[in-house]
């Protein structure tokens, strides 16, 4: 349910409530099968709240679980997510832009391994990166590509994403 509301800013409280409830249940009942989801949602909650302190450690746990955890069969999906989250973290910190660049390249690799070729969100983040680097030419190129690719999205938050790009 939280994922449904994720891109709808007006439902931020619902997203946080659903994901906190999910994480509480995973922790309470020690549902190891959901470990990667737990880290994913903890990171998303921290990003929404702009509470960046725990994100590096959560990312480390997530990447480690992908490599060594018992239930890591969806590791490529989570590698994509964790690398995007790592890029977002450093964009919010406005530092270590080389890490942002590398993380987005790794997220793209994972997405391609998943058999997907729509780089909408990755290109959006690349546009943000180049904006912070004060390279307006590349900012425009990546935002334009993200906008072009967003027309092919089948996700339920497509309109919100296009609105965000347009702004």
Protein backbone atom coordinates (compact mmCIF):
# COMPACT_ATOMS: atom_id res chain seq x y z
CA UNK A 1 0.00 0.00 0.00
CA UNK A 2 2.85 2.37 0.78
CA UNK A 3 4.30 1.93 -2.69
CA UNK A 4 1.00 2.99 -4.22
CA UNK A 5 1.15 6.36 -2.48
CA UNK A 6 4.93 6.86 -2.79
CA UNK A 7 4.87 9.41 -5.62
CA UNK A 8 1.83 11.26 -4.28
CA UNK A 9 3.30 13.95 -2.03
CA UNK A 10 -0.10 14.68 -0.52
CA UNK A 11 -0.14 11.13 0.89
CA UNK A 12 3.27 11.28 2.56
CA UNK A 13 1.77 10.44 5.97
CA UNK A 14 0.08 7.33 4.54
CA UNK A 15 3.32 6.15 2.94
CA UNK A 16 5.21 6.59 6.18
CA UNK A 17 2.48 4.87 8.17
CA UNK A 18 2.30 1.83 5.89
CA UNK A 19 6.06 1.41 5.63
CA UNK A 20 6.62 1.89 9.36
CA UNK A 21 3.93 -0.71 10.02
CA UNK A 22 5.56 -3.06 7.50
CA UNK A 23 9.00 -2.61 9.07
CA UNK A 24 7.59 -3.12 12.57
CA UNK A 25 5.98 -6.41 11.56
CA UNK A 26 9.16 -7.63 9.86
CA UNK A 27 11.17 -6.81 12.98
CA UNK A 28 8.58 -8.09 15.47
CA UNK A 29 8.16 -11.46 13.81
CA UNK A 30 11.77 -11.68 12.57
CA UNK A 31 10.70 -12.31 8.97
CA UNK A 32 14.11 -12.82 7.40
CA UNK A 33 12.53 -13.37 3.98
CA UNK A 34 11.67 -9.65 4.00
CA UNK A 35 15.11 -8.38 5.11
CA UNK A 36 15.89 -6.55 1.87
CA UNK A 37 12.42 -4.99 1.85
CA UNK A 38 13.04 -3.86 5.42
CA UNK A 39 16.25 -2.07 4.44
CA UNK A 40 14.58 -0.62 1.33
CA UNK A 41 11.69 0.84 3.33
CA UNK A 42 13.91 2.08 6.15
CA UNK A 43 15.96 3.98 3.57
CA UNK A 44 12.85 5.35 1.88
CA UNK A 45 11.45 6.49 5.23
CA UNK A 46 14.73 8.23 6.07
CA UNK A 47 14.82 9.93 2.66
CA UNK A 48 11.24 11.15 2.95
CA UNK A 49 11.94 12.52 6.42
CA UNK A 50 15.29 13.94 5.30
CA UNK A 51 16.92 12.04 8.18
CA UNK A 52 20.14 11.10 6.42
CA UNK A 53 22.19 9.92 9.40
CA UNK A 54 21.34 6.19 9.21
CA UNK A 55 21.29 5.84 5.43
CA UNK A 56 24.97 4.89 4.90
CA UNK A 57 24.70 2.09 7.46
CA UNK A 58 21.38 0.86 6.01
CA UNK A 59 22.94 0.83 2.54
CA UNK A 60 25.91 -1.12 3.86
CA UNK A 61 23.61 -3.68 5.50
CA UNK A 62 21.57 -3.95 2.31
CA UNK A 63 24.54 -4.47 0.01
CA UNK A 64 26.03 -6.97 2.48
CA UNK A 65 22.76 -8.92 2.66
CA UNK A 66 22.61 -9.11 -1.12
CA UNK A 67 26.05 -10.73 -1.11
CA UNK A 68 25.76 -12.94 1.97
CA UNK A 69 22.12 -13.12 3.06
CA UNK A 70 19.92 -16.18 2.98
CA UNK A 71 17.04 -14.62 1.00
CA UNK A 72 18.76 -12.63 -1.73
CA UNK A 73 17.18 -14.08 -4.89
CA UNK A 74 15.99 -10.61 -5.93
CA UNK A 75 19.44 -9.13 -5.42
CA UNK A 76 19.62 -7.39 -8.78
CA UNK A 77 16.39 -5.49 -8.11
CA UNK A 78 17.70 -4.37 -4.74
CA UNK A 79 21.13 -3.48 -6.16
CA UNK A 80 19.32 -1.10 -8.48
CA UNK A 81 17.36 0.39 -5.60
CA UNK A 82 20.30 0.66 -3.19
CA UNK A 83 22.50 2.29 -5.83
CA UNK A 84 19.79 4.81 -6.68
CA UNK A 85 19.30 5.50 -2.96
CA UNK A 86 23.05 5.95 -2.54
CA UNK A 87 23.03 8.49 -5.38
CA UNK A 88 20.07 10.32 -3.82
CA UNK A 89 21.80 10.37 -0.44
CA UNK A 90 24.91 12.04 -1.87
CA UNK A 91 22.84 14.42 -3.99
CA UNK A 92 21.04 15.52 -0.84
CA UNK A 93 24.38 15.95 0.94
CA UNK A 94 25.59 17.92 -2.12
CA UNK A 95 28.98 16.26 -2.08
CA UNK A 96 30.92 13.28 -3.47
CA UNK A 97 29.47 13.63 -6.94
CA UNK A 98 31.82 10.90 -8.23
CA UNK A 99 29.97 8.47 -5.97
CA UNK A 100 26.67 9.71 -7.42
CA UNK A 101 27.93 9.13 -10.95
CA UNK A 102 29.23 5.62 -10.13
CA UNK A 103 26.08 4.68 -8.22
CA UNK A 104 23.85 5.69 -11.12
CA UNK A 105 26.01 3.67 -13.52
CA UNK A 106 25.60 0.62 -11.26
CA UNK A 107 21.86 1.21 -10.96
CA UNK A 108 21.69 1.32 -14.76
CA UNK A 109 23.63 -1.95 -15.04
CA UNK A 110 21.23 -3.63 -12.62
CA UNK A 111 18.21 -2.29 -14.48
CA UNK A 112 19.56 -3.66 -17.77
CA UNK A 113 20.23 -7.03 -16.10
CA UNK A 114 16.58 -7.01 -15.05
CA UNK A 115 15.69 -6.76 -18.74
CA UNK A 116 14.43 -3.21 -18.51
CA UNK A 117 15.67 -0.40 -20.68
CA UNK A 118 13.66 2.56 -19.39
CA UNK A 119 16.12 4.77 -17.57
CA UNK A 120 13.59 7.47 -16.70
CA UNK A 121 14.38 7.83 -13.01
CA UNK A 122 18.11 7.26 -13.46
CA UNK A 123 18.21 9.99 -16.13
CA UNK A 124 16.22 12.26 -13.83
CA UNK A 125 18.86 11.75 -11.12
CA UNK A 126 21.63 12.32 -13.66
CA UNK A 127 19.94 15.60 -14.54
CA UNK A 128 20.01 16.52 -10.84
CA UNK A 129 23.70 15.59 -10.67
CA UNK A 130 24.61 17.82 -13.59
CA UNK A 131 22.47 20.62 -12.19
CA UNK A 132 24.54 20.51 -8.98
CA UNK A 133 27.70 20.43 -11.11
CA UNK A 134 26.39 23.60 -12.81
CA UNK A 135 26.43 21.90 -16.22
CA UNK A 136 23.14 23.10 -17.68
CA UNK A 137 23.74 21.50 -21.08
CA UNK A 138 23.87 17.98 -19.59
CA UNK A 139 21.13 18.81 -17.09
CA UNK A 140 18.81 19.62 -19.97
CA UNK A 141 19.88 16.53 -21.97
CA UNK A 142 19.14 14.14 -19.09
CA UNK A 143 15.88 15.82 -18.05
CA UNK A 144 14.74 15.81 -21.66
CA UNK A 145 15.58 12.11 -21.98
CA UNK A 146 13.81 11.30 -18.72
CA UNK A 147 10.76 13.22 -19.93
CA UNK A 148 10.84 11.42 -23.29
CA UNK A 149 11.15 8.03 -21.61
CA UNK A 150 8.43 8.80 -19.07
CA UNK A 151 5.88 8.56 -21.87
CA UNK A 152 6.55 4.80 -21.91
CA UNK A 153 6.10 4.28 -18.19
CA UNK A 154 3.34 1.93 -17.15
CA UNK A 155 3.64 2.71 -13.47
CA UNK A 156 0.71 4.18 -11.60
CA UNK A 157 2.56 7.35 -10.66
CA UNK A 158 3.41 8.27 -14.27
CA UNK A 159 1.44 11.53 -14.26
CA UNK A 160 3.05 12.69 -11.01
CA UNK A 161 6.50 11.88 -12.36
CA UNK A 162 5.84 13.80 -15.60
CA UNK A 163 4.54 16.75 -13.56
CA UNK A 164 7.73 16.68 -11.46
CA UNK A 165 9.90 16.68 -14.59
CA UNK A 166 7.90 19.46 -16.16
CA UNK A 167 8.40 21.66 -13.10
